């Protein structure tokens, strides 16, 4: 990935990811506040308009851009990241430690 538009590595895209993730959360919060989307309903997503869904998806695209940039800065691609995560979760499931906290459980 070409990253000539930002200086250095890691810090700028990490900050960008935090900002964009915040924008996703803000959109969801406003759905709860302004549109009375129920927070405890499993099918609440079906209550969103096409425009509301697309608006969130666009912010997720910005998150994905920054995740991709961070992965590239670290020398990984998203396939490698996904594989490592799947292996980590499979291992935790096999050891019965999916619940709980800590990176090394």
N, C-alpha and C. Protein backbone atom coordinates (compact mmCIF):
# COMPACT_ATOMS: atom_id res chain seq x y z
N UNK A 1 0.84 -1.19 0.00
CA UNK A 1 0.00 0.00 0.00
C UNK A 1 0.88 1.24 0.00
N UNK A 2 0.60 2.14 -0.88
CA UNK A 2 1.31 3.42 -0.93
C UNK A 2 0.78 4.33 0.16
N UNK A 3 1.63 4.84 0.99
CA UNK A 3 1.18 5.71 2.07
C UNK A 3 1.89 7.06 2.04
N UNK A 4 2.17 7.55 0.88
CA UNK A 4 2.92 8.80 0.75
C UNK A 4 2.15 10.02 1.27
N UNK A 5 0.86 9.89 1.52
CA UNK A 5 0.09 11.03 1.97
C UNK A 5 0.18 11.26 3.47
N UNK A 6 0.80 10.34 4.22
CA UNK A 6 0.98 10.60 5.65
C UNK A 6 2.41 10.31 6.06
N UNK A 7 2.88 11.03 7.06
CA UNK A 7 4.29 10.89 7.47
C UNK A 7 4.50 9.67 8.35
N UNK A 8 5.68 9.10 8.25
CA UNK A 8 6.04 8.00 9.13
C UNK A 8 5.18 6.79 8.93
N UNK A 9 5.12 5.98 9.95
CA UNK A 9 4.33 4.75 9.90
C UNK A 9 3.62 4.57 11.23
N UNK A 10 2.56 3.83 11.20
CA UNK A 10 1.82 3.35 12.35
C UNK A 10 1.00 4.41 13.08
N UNK A 11 1.60 5.48 13.56
CA UNK A 11 0.89 6.42 14.43
C UNK A 11 -0.25 7.11 13.69
N UNK A 12 0.00 7.68 12.53
CA UNK A 12 -1.05 8.40 11.80
C UNK A 12 -2.23 7.50 11.48
N UNK A 13 -2.01 6.32 10.90
CA UNK A 13 -3.18 5.49 10.60
C UNK A 13 -3.86 4.94 11.87
N UNK A 14 -3.12 4.75 12.95
CA UNK A 14 -3.76 4.30 14.20
C UNK A 14 -4.69 5.39 14.72
N UNK A 15 -4.25 6.64 14.67
CA UNK A 15 -5.10 7.75 15.08
C UNK A 15 -6.29 7.89 14.14
N UNK A 16 -6.05 7.70 12.86
CA UNK A 16 -7.14 7.76 11.88
C UNK A 16 -8.18 6.68 12.15
N UNK A 17 -7.73 5.48 12.49
CA UNK A 17 -8.65 4.38 12.79
C UNK A 17 -9.51 4.72 14.01
N UNK A 18 -8.88 5.26 15.04
CA UNK A 18 -9.64 5.63 16.24
C UNK A 18 -10.71 6.67 15.91
N UNK A 19 -10.35 7.65 15.10
CA UNK A 19 -11.31 8.68 14.72
C UNK A 19 -12.46 8.12 13.91
N UNK A 20 -12.15 7.27 12.95
CA UNK A 20 -13.20 6.70 12.10
C UNK A 20 -14.08 5.73 12.88
N UNK A 21 -13.49 4.95 13.79
CA UNK A 21 -14.30 4.06 14.63
C UNK A 21 -15.26 4.88 15.48
N UNK A 22 -14.78 6.04 15.96
CA UNK A 22 -15.64 6.93 16.70
C UNK A 22 -16.81 7.43 15.86
N UNK A 23 -16.56 7.67 14.58
CA UNK A 23 -17.64 8.12 13.70
C UNK A 23 -18.68 7.03 13.50
N UNK A 24 -18.26 5.76 13.42
CA UNK A 24 -19.21 4.65 13.34
C UNK A 24 -20.09 4.63 14.59
N UNK A 25 -19.44 4.73 15.74
CA UNK A 25 -20.16 4.70 17.01
C UNK A 25 -21.13 5.87 17.12
N UNK A 26 -20.71 7.05 16.67
CA UNK A 26 -21.59 8.23 16.70
C UNK A 26 -22.84 8.01 15.86
N UNK A 27 -22.69 7.42 14.69
CA UNK A 27 -23.84 7.16 13.84
C UNK A 27 -24.82 6.21 14.52
N UNK A 28 -24.29 5.17 15.15
CA UNK A 28 -25.15 4.22 15.86
C UNK A 28 -25.82 4.90 17.06
N UNK A 29 -25.06 5.70 17.80
CA UNK A 29 -25.63 6.42 18.94
C UNK A 29 -26.79 7.30 18.49
N UNK A 30 -26.63 8.00 17.38
CA UNK A 30 -27.68 8.89 16.90
C UNK A 30 -28.90 8.12 16.43
N UNK A 31 -28.70 6.88 15.97
CA UNK A 31 -29.85 6.04 15.63
C UNK A 31 -30.65 5.71 16.89
N UNK A 32 -29.94 5.46 17.98
CA UNK A 32 -30.62 5.18 19.25
C UNK A 32 -31.33 6.43 19.77
N UNK A 33 -30.63 7.55 19.73
CA UNK A 33 -31.17 8.80 20.28
C UNK A 33 -32.26 9.42 19.40
N UNK A 34 -31.97 9.59 18.13
CA UNK A 34 -32.86 10.35 17.25
C UNK A 34 -33.93 9.49 16.59
N UNK A 35 -33.62 8.25 16.30
CA UNK A 35 -34.55 7.39 15.57
C UNK A 35 -35.15 6.30 16.44
N UNK A 36 -34.86 6.35 17.73
CA UNK A 36 -35.38 5.39 18.69
C UNK A 36 -35.13 3.93 18.28
N UNK A 37 -33.98 3.68 17.68
CA UNK A 37 -33.61 2.30 17.35
C UNK A 37 -33.43 1.54 18.66
N UNK A 38 -34.12 0.42 18.85
CA UNK A 38 -33.98 -0.31 20.10
C UNK A 38 -32.60 -0.94 20.24
N UNK A 39 -31.97 -0.73 21.38
CA UNK A 39 -30.61 -1.24 21.60
C UNK A 39 -30.60 -2.72 21.91
N UNK A 40 -31.71 -3.27 22.35
CA UNK A 40 -31.74 -4.65 22.80
C UNK A 40 -32.51 -5.58 21.87
N UNK A 41 -32.63 -5.20 20.62
CA UNK A 41 -33.40 -5.97 19.65
C UNK A 41 -32.45 -6.65 18.65
N UNK A 42 -32.53 -7.97 18.56
CA UNK A 42 -31.63 -8.71 17.66
C UNK A 42 -31.82 -8.36 16.19
N UNK A 43 -33.01 -7.93 15.81
CA UNK A 43 -33.24 -7.60 14.40
C UNK A 43 -33.36 -6.09 14.16
N UNK A 44 -32.75 -5.29 15.04
CA UNK A 44 -32.80 -3.83 14.89
C UNK A 44 -32.22 -3.39 13.55
N UNK A 45 -31.26 -4.12 13.05
CA UNK A 45 -30.63 -3.76 11.78
C UNK A 45 -31.65 -3.71 10.64
N UNK A 46 -32.69 -4.53 10.73
CA UNK A 46 -33.72 -4.54 9.68
C UNK A 46 -34.57 -3.29 9.71
N UNK A 47 -34.49 -2.51 10.80
CA UNK A 47 -35.26 -1.28 10.93
C UNK A 47 -34.57 -0.08 10.28
N UNK A 48 -33.33 -0.25 9.85
CA UNK A 48 -32.58 0.86 9.26
C UNK A 48 -32.98 1.08 7.81
N UNK A 49 -32.95 2.32 7.40
CA UNK A 49 -33.19 2.63 5.99
C UNK A 49 -31.93 2.29 5.19
N UNK A 50 -32.09 2.24 3.91
CA UNK A 50 -30.94 2.00 3.02
C UNK A 50 -29.90 3.09 3.23
N UNK A 51 -30.33 4.34 3.38
CA UNK A 51 -29.41 5.46 3.57
C UNK A 51 -28.65 5.33 4.89
N UNK A 52 -29.35 4.92 5.96
CA UNK A 52 -28.69 4.75 7.25
C UNK A 52 -27.64 3.64 7.19
N UNK A 53 -27.98 2.55 6.55
CA UNK A 53 -27.04 1.44 6.42
C UNK A 53 -25.82 1.85 5.61
N UNK A 54 -26.07 2.57 4.50
CA UNK A 54 -24.96 2.99 3.65
C UNK A 54 -24.06 3.99 4.38
N UNK A 55 -24.64 4.87 5.15
CA UNK A 55 -23.86 5.85 5.90
C UNK A 55 -22.89 5.16 6.86
N UNK A 56 -23.36 4.15 7.56
CA UNK A 56 -22.49 3.39 8.46
C UNK A 56 -21.46 2.62 7.65
N UNK A 57 -21.87 2.03 6.55
CA UNK A 57 -20.95 1.26 5.71
C UNK A 57 -19.82 2.14 5.19
N UNK A 58 -20.12 3.38 4.84
CA UNK A 58 -19.09 4.29 4.35
C UNK A 58 -18.04 4.56 5.43
N UNK A 59 -18.49 4.73 6.67
CA UNK A 59 -17.54 4.92 7.77
C UNK A 59 -16.73 3.65 8.02
N UNK A 60 -17.36 2.50 7.87
CA UNK A 60 -16.63 1.24 8.01
C UNK A 60 -15.55 1.12 6.93
N UNK A 61 -15.84 1.64 5.75
CA UNK A 61 -14.84 1.65 4.69
C UNK A 61 -13.63 2.48 5.08
N UNK A 62 -13.87 3.61 5.75
CA UNK A 62 -12.75 4.43 6.22
C UNK A 62 -11.95 3.66 7.28
N UNK A 63 -12.66 2.95 8.16
CA UNK A 63 -11.96 2.11 9.16
C UNK A 63 -11.11 1.06 8.46
N UNK A 64 -11.69 0.43 7.46
CA UNK A 64 -10.96 -0.62 6.73
C UNK A 64 -9.70 -0.07 6.07
N UNK A 65 -9.80 1.15 5.54
CA UNK A 65 -8.63 1.78 4.94
C UNK A 65 -7.50 1.88 5.96
N UNK A 66 -7.81 2.38 7.14
CA UNK A 66 -6.78 2.56 8.16
C UNK A 66 -6.28 1.22 8.71
N UNK A 67 -7.16 0.24 8.85
CA UNK A 67 -6.71 -1.10 9.27
C UNK A 67 -5.73 -1.65 8.24
N UNK A 68 -6.05 -1.48 6.97
CA UNK A 68 -5.16 -1.94 5.90
C UNK A 68 -3.82 -1.22 5.96
N UNK A 69 -3.85 0.08 6.20
CA UNK A 69 -2.62 0.86 6.29
C UNK A 69 -1.75 0.39 7.46
N UNK A 70 -2.37 0.17 8.62
CA UNK A 70 -1.61 -0.31 9.78
C UNK A 70 -1.01 -1.68 9.50
N UNK A 71 -1.81 -2.57 8.93
CA UNK A 71 -1.31 -3.91 8.60
C UNK A 71 -0.11 -3.81 7.66
N UNK A 72 -0.21 -2.97 6.64
CA UNK A 72 0.89 -2.81 5.69
C UNK A 72 2.13 -2.24 6.38
N UNK A 73 1.93 -1.28 7.27
CA UNK A 73 3.06 -0.71 8.00
C UNK A 73 3.76 -1.78 8.84
N UNK A 74 2.99 -2.74 9.33
CA UNK A 74 3.55 -3.83 10.14
C UNK A 74 4.08 -4.99 9.31
N UNK A 75 3.85 -4.94 7.99
CA UNK A 75 4.35 -5.98 7.11
C UNK A 75 3.38 -7.14 6.91
N UNK A 76 2.09 -6.91 7.15
CA UNK A 76 1.08 -7.95 6.96
C UNK A 76 0.05 -7.49 5.94
N UNK A 77 -0.66 -8.45 5.35
CA UNK A 77 -1.84 -8.10 4.58
C UNK A 77 -3.07 -8.59 5.35
N UNK A 78 -4.25 -8.19 4.91
CA UNK A 78 -5.45 -8.50 5.68
C UNK A 78 -5.75 -10.00 5.73
N UNK A 79 -5.37 -10.75 4.70
CA UNK A 79 -5.54 -12.20 4.74
C UNK A 79 -4.73 -12.81 5.88
N UNK A 80 -3.50 -12.35 6.04
CA UNK A 80 -2.66 -12.85 7.13
C UNK A 80 -3.25 -12.49 8.49
N UNK A 81 -3.73 -11.27 8.63
CA UNK A 81 -4.33 -10.82 9.88
C UNK A 81 -5.56 -11.68 10.20
N UNK A 82 -6.41 -11.90 9.21
CA UNK A 82 -7.62 -12.71 9.41
C UNK A 82 -7.27 -14.14 9.79
N UNK A 83 -6.27 -14.71 9.15
CA UNK A 83 -5.85 -16.08 9.46
C UNK A 83 -5.32 -16.17 10.89
N UNK A 84 -4.48 -15.22 11.28
CA UNK A 84 -3.94 -15.23 12.64
C UNK A 84 -5.06 -15.11 13.66
N UNK A 85 -6.05 -14.26 13.39
CA UNK A 85 -7.15 -14.09 14.33
C UNK A 85 -8.01 -15.34 14.42
N UNK A 86 -8.28 -15.97 13.28
CA UNK A 86 -9.07 -17.21 13.29
C UNK A 86 -8.35 -18.30 14.08
N UNK A 87 -7.04 -18.40 13.88
CA UNK A 87 -6.26 -19.40 14.63
C UNK A 87 -6.27 -19.10 16.12
N UNK A 88 -6.15 -17.84 16.50
CA UNK A 88 -6.18 -17.45 17.91
C UNK A 88 -7.52 -17.83 18.54
N UNK A 89 -8.62 -17.52 17.85
CA UNK A 89 -9.94 -17.81 18.39
C UNK A 89 -10.21 -19.31 18.45
N UNK A 90 -9.75 -20.05 17.44
CA UNK A 90 -9.90 -21.51 17.44
C UNK A 90 -9.15 -22.11 18.62
N UNK A 91 -7.94 -21.63 18.86
CA UNK A 91 -7.14 -22.11 19.99
C UNK A 91 -7.84 -21.81 21.32
N UNK A 92 -8.37 -20.62 21.46
CA UNK A 92 -9.07 -20.26 22.70
C UNK A 92 -10.30 -21.14 22.89
N UNK A 93 -11.03 -21.39 21.80
CA UNK A 93 -12.21 -22.23 21.90
C UNK A 93 -11.83 -23.65 22.34
N UNK A 94 -10.77 -24.19 21.74
CA UNK A 94 -10.31 -25.54 22.10
C UNK A 94 -9.88 -25.62 23.56
N UNK A 95 -9.32 -24.53 24.09
CA UNK A 95 -8.87 -24.51 25.48
C UNK A 95 -9.96 -24.02 26.43
N UNK A 96 -11.13 -23.67 25.89
CA UNK A 96 -12.24 -23.23 26.72
C UNK A 96 -12.04 -21.87 27.36
N UNK A 97 -11.31 -20.98 26.68
CA UNK A 97 -11.05 -19.66 27.24
C UNK A 97 -11.50 -18.53 26.30
N UNK A 98 -12.58 -18.77 25.55
CA UNK A 98 -13.10 -17.71 24.68
C UNK A 98 -13.60 -16.53 25.52
N UNK A 99 -14.19 -16.82 26.67
CA UNK A 99 -14.67 -15.75 27.55
C UNK A 99 -13.55 -15.34 28.47
N UNK A 100 -13.64 -14.14 28.96
CA UNK A 100 -12.60 -13.63 29.85
C UNK A 100 -11.91 -12.47 29.19
N UNK A 101 -10.74 -12.13 29.74
CA UNK A 101 -10.01 -10.98 29.19
C UNK A 101 -8.52 -11.30 29.17
N UNK A 102 -7.81 -10.50 28.41
CA UNK A 102 -6.37 -10.67 28.29
C UNK A 102 -5.99 -11.20 26.92
N UNK A 103 -4.94 -10.63 26.35
CA UNK A 103 -4.51 -11.04 25.01
C UNK A 103 -3.94 -12.44 24.97
N UNK A 104 -3.36 -12.90 26.07
CA UNK A 104 -2.64 -14.18 26.05
C UNK A 104 -3.39 -15.29 26.77
N UNK A 105 -4.69 -15.19 26.91
CA UNK A 105 -5.42 -16.24 27.63
C UNK A 105 -5.53 -17.52 26.84
